Protein backbone atom coordinates (compact mmCIF):
# COMPACT_ATOMS: atom_id res chain seq x y z
CA MET A 1 -6.67 -54.06 54.03
CA ARG A 2 -3.65 -55.11 52.06
CA ILE A 3 -2.26 -58.39 52.10
CA GLU A 4 1.46 -59.22 51.71
CA PHE A 5 3.82 -61.94 51.94
CA THR A 6 7.48 -62.80 52.76
CA ASP A 7 9.57 -64.30 50.65
CA HIS A 8 10.25 -67.44 52.69
CA PHE A 9 6.26 -68.07 51.97
CA VAL A 10 7.20 -66.80 48.07
CA ASN A 11 9.65 -68.91 47.92
CA GLU A 12 9.51 -71.96 49.24
CA ILE A 13 6.21 -72.10 51.21
CA LEU A 14 4.35 -71.67 47.91
CA GLU A 15 6.96 -74.28 45.86
CA LYS A 16 5.57 -77.36 48.36
CA ARG A 17 2.13 -76.08 48.01
CA PRO A 18 0.92 -75.01 45.59
CA HIS A 19 -3.03 -75.78 45.49
CA LEU A 20 -2.93 -72.52 47.94
CA ARG A 21 -4.85 -69.66 46.93
CA ARG A 22 -4.58 -66.72 47.50
CA ASP A 23 -8.86 -65.66 47.84
CA TRP A 24 -8.74 -68.90 50.64
CA LEU A 25 -5.41 -66.75 52.15
CA GLU A 26 -7.00 -63.30 51.92
CA CYS A 27 -10.41 -64.35 53.22
CA VAL A 28 -8.66 -66.19 56.00
CA VAL A 29 -6.88 -63.19 57.29
CA LEU A 30 -10.21 -60.60 56.82
CA GLN A 31 -11.57 -63.25 58.76
CA PRO A 32 -10.33 -65.96 60.26
CA LEU A 33 -12.28 -68.16 62.59
CA LYS A 34 -10.38 -68.28 64.84
CA VAL A 35 -6.82 -66.20 66.24
CA GLU A 36 -3.97 -67.21 68.23
CA ARG A 37 -0.92 -64.83 69.39
CA LEU A 38 2.46 -67.08 69.03
CA ARG A 39 5.42 -66.05 70.65
CA GLY A 40 7.60 -63.32 69.02
CA GLY A 41 4.79 -61.82 67.83
CA LYS A 42 3.20 -63.70 64.98
CA TYR A 43 -0.15 -65.11 64.38
CA ARG A 44 -1.68 -67.85 63.83
CA MET A 45 -5.10 -67.76 61.91
CA TRP A 46 -7.86 -70.10 60.62
CA GLY A 47 -10.46 -69.85 58.09
CA ARG A 48 -12.96 -72.03 55.56
CA ILE A 49 -11.78 -72.72 52.51
CA PRO A 50 -14.83 -70.75 50.72
CA THR A 51 -15.17 -73.76 47.90
CA ARG A 52 -14.66 -77.05 50.73
CA ARG A 53 -17.35 -76.24 53.52
CA LYS A 54 -15.77 -78.84 55.86
CA CYS A 55 -11.69 -78.39 55.18
CA PHE A 56 -10.12 -75.64 57.29
CA LEU A 57 -6.60 -73.27 56.96
CA GLN A 58 -4.03 -72.48 59.06
CA VAL A 59 -1.83 -69.11 58.40
CA ILE A 60 0.43 -68.01 60.55
CA THR A 61 0.82 -63.99 60.09
CA LEU A 62 3.76 -61.78 61.36
CA SER A 63 2.99 -59.30 64.04
CA ASP A 64 1.18 -57.44 61.48
CA MET A 65 -1.34 -59.16 61.30
CA ARG A 66 -1.34 -59.23 56.73
CA THR A 67 1.88 -60.92 56.15
CA ILE A 68 1.65 -64.44 55.39
CA ASN A 69 4.90 -66.32 56.08
CA ASN A 70 3.20 -69.58 56.27
CA ALA A 71 0.05 -71.61 55.30
CA PHE A 72 -1.79 -74.77 54.52
CA ILE A 73 -4.43 -77.64 55.15
CA ASP A 74 -5.14 -78.24 59.09
CA GLN A 75 -6.59 -81.82 58.61
CA ASP A 76 -6.45 -81.56 62.64
CA PHE A 77 -8.76 -78.41 63.32
CA SER A 78 -12.80 -78.29 63.84
CA TRP A 79 -14.99 -76.14 64.50
CA GLU A 80 -18.36 -75.58 65.44
CA ASP A 81 -20.32 -72.74 64.43
CA PRO A 82 -22.39 -70.84 66.86
CA LYS A 83 -25.34 -70.01 64.68
């Protein structure tokens, strides 16, 4: 699956959050820990930042679940690994 980005994400979000890396975003979209469907058809996904075990990224996609519209480090999200 190919990950895409909205103009809003490229022109506004990355301007405010240049620390976000494409490989982190792809990892969350391709292997999310949790997914929620939002009103309007968008999806909210959470995943670990690969290089930081206790740091989570929240990604908002369009209804296709592959076009990223927003993303940020979510300091309030916690995850208990079921393993």
